[in-house]
């Protein structure tokens, strides 16, 4: 913001960078969970090991919570006066 960026641009940049990390983690987690279901097949009752509703709902919940975890500090960062932040450095 000290170089002329708008608050909305800074917020969007932080959220998109966070979303890239989130999606990488969700995709790796989905892959590992599909692989891990073969080991846990005998422990699951009433749910198939590759239940798409379970995988989609857990991935969506984790994505929403992670985006919220990125949004709160990003929103706080956009409210900081750039001159105060530059003086602090």
PDB file of N, CA and C in Angstrom:
ATOM      1  N   UNK A   1       0.825  -1.182   0.000  1.00  0.00           N
ATOM      2  CA  UNK A   1       0.000   0.000   0.000  1.00  0.00           C
ATOM      3  C   UNK A   1       0.869   1.246   0.000  1.00  0.00           C
ATOM      4  N   UNK A   2       2.082   1.119   0.543  1.00  0.00           N
ATOM      5  CA  UNK A   2       2.979   2.260   0.553  1.00  0.00           C
ATOM      6  C   UNK A   2       3.426   2.622  -0.858  1.00  0.00           C
ATOM      7  N   UNK A   3       3.342   1.677  -1.770  1.00  0.00           N
ATOM      8  CA  UNK A   3       3.748   1.937  -3.148  1.00  0.00           C
ATOM      9  C   UNK A   3       2.563   2.221  -4.057  1.00  0.00           C
ATOM     10  N   UNK A   4       1.367   2.384  -3.486  1.00  0.00           N
ATOM     11  CA  UNK A   4       0.211   2.787  -4.273  1.00  0.00           C
ATOM     12  C   UNK A   4      -0.844   1.723  -4.500  1.00  0.00           C
ATOM     13  N   UNK A   5      -0.686   0.557  -3.915  1.00  0.00           N
ATOM     14  CA  UNK A   5      -1.699  -0.481  -4.096  1.00  0.00           C
ATOM     15  C   UNK A   5      -2.943  -0.146  -3.277  1.00  0.00           C
ATOM     16  N   UNK A   6      -4.082  -0.503  -3.806  1.00  0.00           N
ATOM     17  CA  UNK A   6      -5.327  -0.278  -3.084  1.00  0.00           C
ATOM     18  C   UNK A   6      -5.501  -1.368  -2.030  1.00  0.00           C
ATOM     19  N   UNK A   7      -6.312  -1.072  -1.026  1.00  0.00           N
ATOM     20  CA  UNK A   7      -6.561  -2.044   0.042  1.00  0.00           C
ATOM     21  C   UNK A   7      -7.186  -3.321  -0.518  1.00  0.00           C
ATOM     22  N   UNK A   8      -8.086  -3.177  -1.465  1.00  0.00           N
ATOM     23  CA  UNK A   8      -8.730  -4.363  -2.035  1.00  0.00           C
ATOM     24  C   UNK A   8      -7.728  -5.225  -2.803  1.00  0.00           C
ATOM     25  N   UNK A   9      -6.763  -4.595  -3.463  1.00  0.00           N
ATOM     26  CA  UNK A   9      -5.740  -5.356  -4.187  1.00  0.00           C
ATOM     27  C   UNK A   9      -4.855  -6.136  -3.231  1.00  0.00           C
ATOM     28  N   UNK A  10      -4.511  -5.523  -2.105  1.00  0.00           N
ATOM     29  CA  UNK A  10      -3.680  -6.204  -1.114  1.00  0.00           C
ATOM     30  C   UNK A  10      -4.448  -7.381  -0.517  1.00  0.00           C
ATOM     31  N   UNK A  11      -5.703  -7.157  -0.186  1.00  0.00           N
ATOM     32  CA  UNK A  11      -6.531  -8.221   0.374  1.00  0.00           C
ATOM     33  C   UNK A  11      -6.677  -9.375  -0.615  1.00  0.00           C
ATOM     34  N   UNK A  12      -6.947  -9.059  -1.864  1.00  0.00           N
ATOM     35  CA  UNK A  12      -7.097 -10.086  -2.895  1.00  0.00           C
ATOM     36  C   UNK A  12      -5.799 -10.859  -3.094  1.00  0.00           C
ATOM     37  N   UNK A  13      -4.662 -10.168  -3.089  1.00  0.00           N
ATOM     38  CA  UNK A  13      -3.373 -10.824  -3.277  1.00  0.00           C
ATOM     39  C   UNK A  13      -3.100 -11.815  -2.151  1.00  0.00           C
ATOM     40  N   UNK A  14      -3.353 -11.403  -0.911  1.00  0.00           N
ATOM     41  CA  UNK A  14      -3.107 -12.280   0.224  1.00  0.00           C
ATOM     42  C   UNK A  14      -4.035 -13.491   0.177  1.00  0.00           C
ATOM     43  N   UNK A  15      -5.293 -13.279  -0.165  1.00  0.00           N
ATOM     44  CA  UNK A  15      -6.237 -14.394  -0.221  1.00  0.00           C
ATOM     45  C   UNK A  15      -5.903 -15.370  -1.353  1.00  0.00           C
ATOM     46  N   UNK A  16      -5.474 -14.865  -2.502  1.00  0.00           N
ATOM     47  CA  UNK A  16      -5.117 -15.765  -3.603  1.00  0.00           C
ATOM     48  C   UNK A  16      -3.861 -16.566  -3.286  1.00  0.00           C
ATOM     49  N   UNK A  17      -2.888 -15.947  -2.610  1.00  0.00           N
ATOM     50  CA  UNK A  17      -1.698 -16.691  -2.207  1.00  0.00           C
ATOM     51  C   UNK A  17      -2.059 -17.753  -1.171  1.00  0.00           C
ATOM     52  N   UNK A  18      -2.935 -17.398  -0.258  1.00  0.00           N
ATOM     53  CA  UNK A  18      -3.392 -18.375   0.720  1.00  0.00           C
ATOM     54  C   UNK A  18      -4.181 -19.496   0.067  1.00  0.00           C
ATOM     55  N   UNK A  19      -5.003 -19.158  -0.927  1.00  0.00           N
ATOM     56  CA  UNK A  19      -5.799 -20.158  -1.622  1.00  0.00           C
ATOM     57  C   UNK A  19      -4.913 -21.149  -2.378  1.00  0.00           C
ATOM     58  N   UNK A  20      -3.801 -20.684  -2.915  1.00  0.00           N
ATOM     59  CA  UNK A  20      -2.886 -21.589  -3.616  1.00  0.00           C
ATOM     60  C   UNK A  20      -2.311 -22.615  -2.637  1.00  0.00           C
ATOM     61  N   UNK A  21      -1.933 -22.171  -1.466  1.00  0.00           N
ATOM     62  CA  UNK A  21      -1.399 -23.091  -0.454  1.00  0.00           C
ATOM     63  C   UNK A  21      -2.497 -24.036   0.037  1.00  0.00           C
ATOM     64  N   UNK A  22      -3.689 -23.491   0.244  1.00  0.00           N
ATOM     65  CA  UNK A  22      -4.821 -24.302   0.718  1.00  0.00           C
ATOM     66  C   UNK A  22      -5.149 -25.391  -0.287  1.00  0.00           C
ATOM     67  N   UNK A  23      -5.262 -25.043  -1.555  1.00  0.00           N
ATOM     68  CA  UNK A  23      -5.639 -26.025  -2.571  1.00  0.00           C
ATOM     69  C   UNK A  23      -4.561 -27.090  -2.745  1.00  0.00           C
ATOM     70  N   UNK A  24      -3.303 -26.706  -2.616  1.00  0.00           N
ATOM     71  CA  UNK A  24      -2.228 -27.690  -2.673  1.00  0.00           C
ATOM     72  C   UNK A  24      -2.374 -28.684  -1.529  1.00  0.00           C
ATOM     73  N   UNK A  25      -2.623 -28.175  -0.341  1.00  0.00           N
ATOM     74  CA  UNK A  25      -2.797 -29.048   0.815  1.00  0.00           C
ATOM     75  C   UNK A  25      -4.025 -29.930   0.704  1.00  0.00           C
ATOM     76  N   UNK A  26      -5.126 -29.387   0.212  1.00  0.00           N
ATOM     77  CA  UNK A  26      -6.353 -30.174   0.057  1.00  0.00           C
ATOM     78  C   UNK A  26      -6.151 -31.277  -0.978  1.00  0.00           C
ATOM     79  N   UNK A  27      -5.511 -30.971  -2.085  1.00  0.00           N
ATOM     80  CA  UNK A  27      -5.291 -31.990  -3.118  1.00  0.00           C
ATOM     81  C   UNK A  27      -4.358 -33.091  -2.631  1.00  0.00           C
ATOM     82  N   UNK A  28      -3.293 -32.717  -1.933  1.00  0.00           N
ATOM     83  CA  UNK A  28      -2.392 -33.730  -1.372  1.00  0.00           C
ATOM     84  C   UNK A  28      -3.127 -34.554  -0.319  1.00  0.00           C
ATOM     85  N   UNK A  29      -3.930 -33.897   0.499  1.00  0.00           N
ATOM     86  CA  UNK A  29      -4.694 -34.602   1.521  1.00  0.00           C
ATOM     87  C   UNK A  29      -5.714 -35.555   0.934  1.00  0.00           C
ATOM     88  N   UNK A  30      -6.394 -35.127  -0.135  1.00  0.00           N
ATOM     89  CA  UNK A  30      -7.354 -36.019  -0.791  1.00  0.00           C
ATOM     90  C   UNK A  30      -6.659 -37.250  -1.374  1.00  0.00           C
ATOM     91  N   UNK A  31      -5.523 -37.032  -1.995  1.00  0.00           N
ATOM     92  CA  UNK A  31      -4.778 -38.149  -2.557  1.00  0.00           C
ATOM     93  C   UNK A  31      -4.348 -39.124  -1.465  1.00  0.00           C
ATOM     94  N   UNK A  32      -3.780 -38.605  -0.381  1.00  0.00           N
ATOM     95  CA  UNK A  32      -3.326 -39.473   0.702  1.00  0.00           C
ATOM     96  C   UNK A  32      -4.489 -40.161   1.410  1.00  0.00           C
ATOM     97  N   UNK A  33      -5.627 -39.487   1.491  1.00  0.00           N
ATOM     98  CA  UNK A  33      -6.771 -40.118   2.139  1.00  0.00           C
ATOM     99  C   UNK A  33      -7.346 -41.245   1.286  1.00  0.00           C
ATOM    100  N   UNK A  34      -7.348 -41.091  -0.029  1.00  0.00           N
ATOM    101  CA  UNK A  34      -7.807 -42.171  -0.899  1.00  0.00           C
ATOM    102  C   UNK A  34      -6.861 -43.367  -0.780  1.00  0.00           C
ATOM    103  N   UNK A  35      -5.582 -43.094  -0.716  1.00  0.00           N
ATOM    104  CA  UNK A  35      -4.604 -44.177  -0.546  1.00  0.00           C
ATOM    105  C   UNK A  35      -4.761 -44.814   0.835  1.00  0.00           C
ATOM    106  N   UNK A  36      -4.996 -44.008   1.856  1.00  0.00           N
ATOM    107  CA  UNK A  36      -5.110 -44.512   3.219  1.00  0.00           C
ATOM    108  C   UNK A  36      -6.385 -45.280   3.496  1.00  0.00           C
ATOM    109  N   UNK A  37      -7.400 -45.115   2.675  1.00  0.00           N
ATOM    110  CA  UNK A  37      -8.652 -45.832   2.918  1.00  0.00           C
ATOM    111  C   UNK A  37      -8.490 -47.330   2.736  1.00  0.00           C
ATOM    112  N   UNK A  38      -7.533 -47.730   1.950  1.00  0.00           N
ATOM    113  CA  UNK A  38      -7.291 -49.164   1.776  1.00  0.00           C
ATOM    114  C   UNK A  38      -6.836 -49.783   3.100  1.00  0.00           C
ATOM    115  N   UNK A  39      -6.099 -49.024   3.897  1.00  0.00           N
ATOM    116  CA  UNK A  39      -5.634 -49.531   5.188  1.00  0.00           C
ATOM    117  C   UNK A  39      -6.747 -49.540   6.227  1.00  0.00           C
ATOM    118  N   UNK A  40      -7.707 -48.609   6.097  1.00  0.00           N
ATOM    119  CA  UNK A  40      -8.759 -48.464   7.093  1.00  0.00           C
ATOM    120  C   UNK A  40     -10.080 -49.095   6.654  1.00  0.00           C
ATOM    121  N   UNK A  41     -10.068 -49.868   5.615  1.00  0.00           N
ATOM    122  CA  UNK A  41     -11.299 -50.434   5.067  1.00  0.00           C
ATOM    123  C   UNK A  41     -12.072 -51.239   6.109  1.00  0.00           C
ATOM    124  N   UNK A  42     -11.388 -51.993   6.930  1.00  0.00           N
ATOM    125  CA  UNK A  42     -12.076 -52.828   7.919  1.00  0.00           C
ATOM    126  C   UNK A  42     -12.596 -52.021   9.106  1.00  0.00           C
ATOM    127  N   UNK A  43     -12.171 -50.767   9.274  1.00  0.00           N
ATOM    128  CA  UNK A  43     -12.591 -49.960  10.416  1.00  0.00           C
ATOM    129  C   UNK A  43     -13.805 -49.084  10.126  1.00  0.00           C
ATOM    130  N   UNK A  44     -14.169 -48.928   8.873  1.00  0.00           N
ATOM    131  CA  UNK A  44     -15.280 -48.059   8.499  1.00  0.00           C
ATOM    132  C   UNK A  44     -16.566 -48.859   8.373  1.00  0.00           C
ATOM    133  N   UNK A  45     -17.601 -48.414   9.100  1.00  0.00           N
ATOM    134  CA  UNK A  45     -18.900 -49.094   9.049  1.00  0.00           C
ATOM    135  C   UNK A  45     -19.959 -48.099   8.585  1.00  0.00           C
ATOM    136  N   UNK A  46     -20.760 -48.499   7.614  1.00  0.00           N
ATOM    137  CA  UNK A  46     -21.844 -47.663   7.127  1.00  0.00           C
ATOM    138  C   UNK A  46     -21.424 -46.626   6.103  1.00  0.00           C
ATOM    139  N   UNK A  47     -20.155 -46.548   5.786  1.00  0.00           N
ATOM    140  CA  UNK A  47     -19.649 -45.592   4.799  1.00  0.00           C
ATOM    141  C   UNK A  47     -18.676 -46.347   3.904  1.00  0.00           C
ATOM    142  N   UNK A  48     -18.805 -46.164   2.624  1.00  0.00           N
ATOM    143  CA  UNK A  48     -17.832 -46.798   1.736  1.00  0.00           C
ATOM    144  C   UNK A  48     -16.499 -46.071   1.860  1.00  0.00           C
ATOM    145  N   UNK A  49     -15.444 -46.745   1.490  1.00  0.00           N
ATOM    146  CA  UNK A  49     -14.114 -46.157   1.659  1.00  0.00           C
ATOM    147  C   UNK A  49     -13.868 -44.982   0.731  1.00  0.00           C
ATOM    148  N   UNK A  50     -14.592 -44.908  -0.348  1.00  0.00           N
ATOM    149  CA  UNK A  50     -14.423 -43.787  -1.282  1.00  0.00           C
ATOM    150  C   UNK A  50     -15.737 -43.028  -1.433  1.00  0.00           C
ATOM    151  N   UNK A  51     -16.379 -42.713  -0.330  1.00  0.00           N
ATOM    152  CA  UNK A  51     -17.636 -41.981  -0.339  1.00  0.00           C
ATOM    153  C   UNK A  51     -17.385 -40.549  -0.817  1.00  0.00           C
ATOM    154  N   UNK A  52     -17.880 -40.177  -1.990  1.00  0.00           N
ATOM    155  CA  UNK A  52     -17.576 -38.847  -2.532  1.00  0.00           C
ATOM    156  C   UNK A  52     -18.168 -37.713  -1.697  1.00  0.00           C
ATOM    157  N   UNK A  53     -19.324 -37.924  -1.096  1.00  0.00           N
ATOM    158  CA  UNK A  53     -19.934 -36.878  -0.276  1.00  0.00           C
ATOM    159  C   UNK A  53     -19.051 -36.537   0.928  1.00  0.00           C
ATOM    160  N   UNK A  54     -18.465 -37.547   1.539  1.00  0.00           N
ATOM    161  CA  UNK A  54     -17.574 -37.313   2.682  1.00  0.00           C
ATOM    162  C   UNK A  54     -16.329 -36.557   2.245  1.00  0.00           C
ATOM    163  N   UNK A  55     -15.712 -36.982   1.165  1.00  0.00           N
ATOM    164  CA  UNK A  55     -14.496 -36.322   0.695  1.00  0.00           C
ATOM    165  C   UNK A  55     -14.766 -34.871   0.306  1.00  0.00           C
ATOM    166  N   UNK A  56     -15.865 -34.628  -0.403  1.00  0.00           N
ATOM    167  CA  UNK A  56     -16.179 -33.272  -0.852  1.00  0.00           C
ATOM    168  C   UNK A  56     -16.521 -32.372   0.327  1.00  0.00           C
ATOM    169  N   UNK A  57     -17.312 -32.886   1.268  1.00  0.00           N
ATOM    170  CA  UNK A  57     -17.722 -32.048   2.403  1.00  0.00           C
ATOM    171  C   UNK A  57     -16.541 -31.706   3.309  1.00  0.00           C
ATOM    172  N   UNK A  58     -15.675 -32.653   3.549  1.00  0.00           N
ATOM    173  CA  UNK A  58     -14.494 -32.369   4.387  1.00  0.00           C
ATOM    174  C   UNK A  58     -13.551 -31.401   3.681  1.00  0.00           C
ATOM    175  N   UNK A  59     -13.339 -31.587   2.397  1.00  0.00           N
ATOM    176  CA  UNK A  59     -12.460 -30.684   1.645  1.00  0.00           C
ATOM    177  C   UNK A  59     -13.048 -29.275   1.606  1.00  0.00           C
ATOM    178  N   UNK A  60     -14.357 -29.164   1.418  1.00  0.00           N
ATOM    179  CA  UNK A  60     -14.997 -27.840   1.397  1.00  0.00           C
ATOM    180  C   UNK A  60     -14.916 -27.168   2.762  1.00  0.00           C
ATOM    181  N   UNK A  61     -15.169 -27.924   3.828  1.00  0.00           N
ATOM    182  CA  UNK A  61     -15.092 -27.360   5.172  1.00  0.00           C
ATOM    183  C   UNK A  61     -13.683 -26.871   5.491  1.00  0.00           C
ATOM    184  N   UNK A  62     -12.688 -27.676   5.167  1.00  0.00           N
ATOM    185  CA  UNK A  62     -11.308 -27.264   5.418  1.00  0.00           C
ATOM    186  C   UNK A  62     -10.916 -26.043   4.586  1.00  0.00           C
ATOM    187  N   UNK A  63     -11.392 -25.970   3.357  1.00  0.00           N
ATOM    188  CA  UNK A  63     -11.097 -24.816   2.510  1.00  0.00           C
ATOM    189  C   UNK A  63     -11.731 -23.551   3.062  1.00  0.00           C
ATOM    190  N   UNK A  64     -12.980 -23.632   3.512  1.00  0.00           N
ATOM    191  CA  UNK A  64     -13.667 -22.461   4.060  1.00  0.00           C
ATOM    192  C   UNK A  64     -12.991 -21.979   5.336  1.00  0.00           C
ATOM    193  N   UNK A  65     -12.666 -22.897   6.226  1.00  0.00           N
ATOM    194  CA  UNK A  65     -12.012 -22.514   7.483  1.00  0.00           C
ATOM    195  C   UNK A  65     -10.629 -21.926   7.210  1.00  0.00           C
ATOM    196  N   UNK A  66      -9.900 -22.499   6.272  1.00  0.00           N
ATOM    197  CA  UNK A  66      -8.570 -21.986   5.945  1.00  0.00           C
ATOM    198  C   UNK A  66      -8.638 -20.606   5.304  1.00  0.00           C
ATOM    199  N   UNK A  67      -9.620 -20.378   4.429  1.00  0.00           N
ATOM    200  CA  UNK A  67      -9.781 -19.049   3.834  1.00  0.00           C
ATOM    201  C   UNK A  67     -10.142 -18.014   4.894  1.00  0.00           C
ATOM    202  N   UNK A  68     -10.955 -18.407   5.858  1.00  0.00           N
ATOM    203  CA  UNK A  68     -11.277 -17.504   6.953  1.00  0.00           C
ATOM    204  C   UNK A  68     -10.038 -17.200   7.783  1.00  0.00           C
ATOM    205  N   UNK A  69      -9.195 -18.211   7.974  1.00  0.00           N
ATOM    206  CA  UNK A  69      -7.950 -18.005   8.711  1.00  0.00           C
ATOM    207  C   UNK A  69      -6.997 -17.084   7.948  1.00  0.00           C
ATOM    208  N   UNK A  70      -7.088 -17.033   6.635  1.00  0.00           N
ATOM    209  CA  UNK A  70      -6.280 -16.097   5.843  1.00  0.00           C
ATOM    210  C   UNK A  70      -6.921 -14.713   5.820  1.00  0.00           C
ATOM    211  N   UNK A  71      -8.244 -14.673   5.811  1.00  0.00           N
ATOM    212  CA  UNK A  71      -8.955 -13.410   5.672  1.00  0.00           C
ATOM    213  C   UNK A  71      -8.771 -12.499   6.881  1.00  0.00           C
ATOM    214  N   UNK A  72      -8.817 -13.056   8.079  1.00  0.00           N
ATOM    215  CA  UNK A  72      -8.747 -12.227   9.288  1.00  0.00           C
ATOM    216  C   UNK A  72      -7.432 -11.444   9.358  1.00  0.00           C
ATOM    217  N   UNK A  73      -6.259 -12.071   9.241  1.00  0.00           N
ATOM    218  CA  UNK A  73      -5.023 -11.271   9.263  1.00  0.00           C
ATOM    219  C   UNK A  73      -4.862 -10.371   8.034  1.00  0.00           C
ATOM    220  N   UNK A  74      -5.380 -10.815   6.883  1.00  0.00           N
ATOM    221  CA  UNK A  74      -5.285  -9.989   5.681  1.00  0.00           C
ATOM    222  C   UNK A  74      -6.107  -8.717   5.849  1.00  0.00           C
ATOM    223  N   UNK A  75      -7.280  -8.845   6.427  1.00  0.00           N
ATOM    224  CA  UNK A  75      -8.134  -7.675   6.678  1.00  0.00           C
ATOM    225  C   UNK A  75      -7.457  -6.723   7.655  1.00  0.00           C
ATOM    226  N   UNK A  76      -6.818  -7.280   8.681  1.00  0.00           N
ATOM    227  CA  UNK A  76      -6.101  -6.457   9.653  1.00  0.00           C
ATOM    228  C   UNK A  76      -4.909  -5.752   8.995  1.00  0.00           C
ATOM    229  N   UNK A  77      -4.245  -6.451   8.082  1.00  0.00           N
ATOM    230  CA  UNK A  77      -3.091  -5.849   7.399  1.00  0.00           C
ATOM    231  C   UNK A  77      -3.500  -4.689   6.513  1.00  0.00           C
ATOM    232  N   UNK A  78      -4.704  -4.735   5.947  1.00  0.00           N
ATOM    233  CA  UNK A  78      -5.137  -3.634   5.079  1.00  0.00           C
ATOM    234  C   UNK A  78      -5.520  -2.397   5.876  1.00  0.00           C
ATOM    235  N   UNK A  79      -5.727  -2.536   7.168  1.00  0.00           N
ATOM    236  CA  UNK A  79      -6.110  -1.397   7.996  1.00  0.00           C
ATOM    237  C   UNK A  79      -4.911  -0.657   8.598  1.00  0.00           C
ATOM    238  N   UNK A  80      -3.725  -1.210   8.446  1.00  0.00           N
ATOM    239  CA  UNK A  80      -2.525  -0.586   8.989  1.00  0.00           C
ATOM    240  C   UNK A  80      -2.113   0.581   8.101  1.00  0.00           C
ATOM    241  N   UNK A  81      -1.769   1.688   8.718  1.00  0.00           N
ATOM    242  CA  UNK A  81      -1.286   2.850   7.973  1.00  0.00           C
ATOM    243  C   UNK A  81       0.094   2.517   7.402  1.00  0.00           C
ATOM    244  N   UNK A  82       0.322   2.677   6.107  1.00  0.00           N
ATOM    245  CA  UNK A  82       1.607   2.314   5.503  1.00  0.00           C
ATOM    246  C   UNK A  82       2.791   3.061   6.110  1.00  0.00           C
ATOM    247  N   UNK A  83       2.610   4.309   6.492  1.00  0.00           N
ATOM    248  CA  UNK A  83       3.719   5.066   7.064  1.00  0.00           C
ATOM    249  C   UNK A  83       4.127   4.505   8.432  1.00  0.00           C
ATOM    250  N   UNK A  84       3.160   4.075   9.201  1.00  0.00           N
ATOM    251  CA  UNK A  84       3.469   3.462  10.502  1.00  0.00           C
ATOM    252  C   UNK A  84       4.233   2.157  10.299  1.00  0.00           C
ATOM    253  N   UNK A  85       3.817   1.362   9.329  1.00  0.00           N
ATOM    254  CA  UNK A  85       4.505   0.100   9.050  1.00  0.00           C
ATOM    255  C   UNK A  85       5.932   0.342   8.547  1.00  0.00           C
ATOM    256  N   UNK A  86       6.120   1.354   7.712  1.00  0.00           N
ATOM    257  CA  UNK A  86       7.464   1.662   7.213  1.00  0.00           C
ATOM    258  C   UNK A  86       8.370   2.191   8.328  1.00  0.00           C
ATOM    259  N   UNK A  87       7.832   2.974   9.217  1.00  0.00           N
ATOM    260  CA  UNK A  87       8.637   3.468  10.340  1.00  0.00           C
ATOM    261  C   UNK A  87       9.033   2.336  11.278  1.00  0.00           C
ATOM    262  N   UNK A  88       8.159   1.333  11.419  1.00  0.00           N
ATOM    263  CA  UNK A  88       8.443   0.217  12.303  1.00  0.00           C
ATOM    264  C   UNK A  88       9.621  -0.591  11.785  1.00  0.00           C
ATOM    265  N   UNK A  89       9.751  -0.715  10.489  1.00  0.00           N
ATOM    266  CA  UNK A  89      10.856  -1.467   9.896  1.00  0.00           C
ATOM    267  C   UNK A  89      12.121  -0.701  10.103  1.00  0.00           C
TER     268      UNK A  89
END
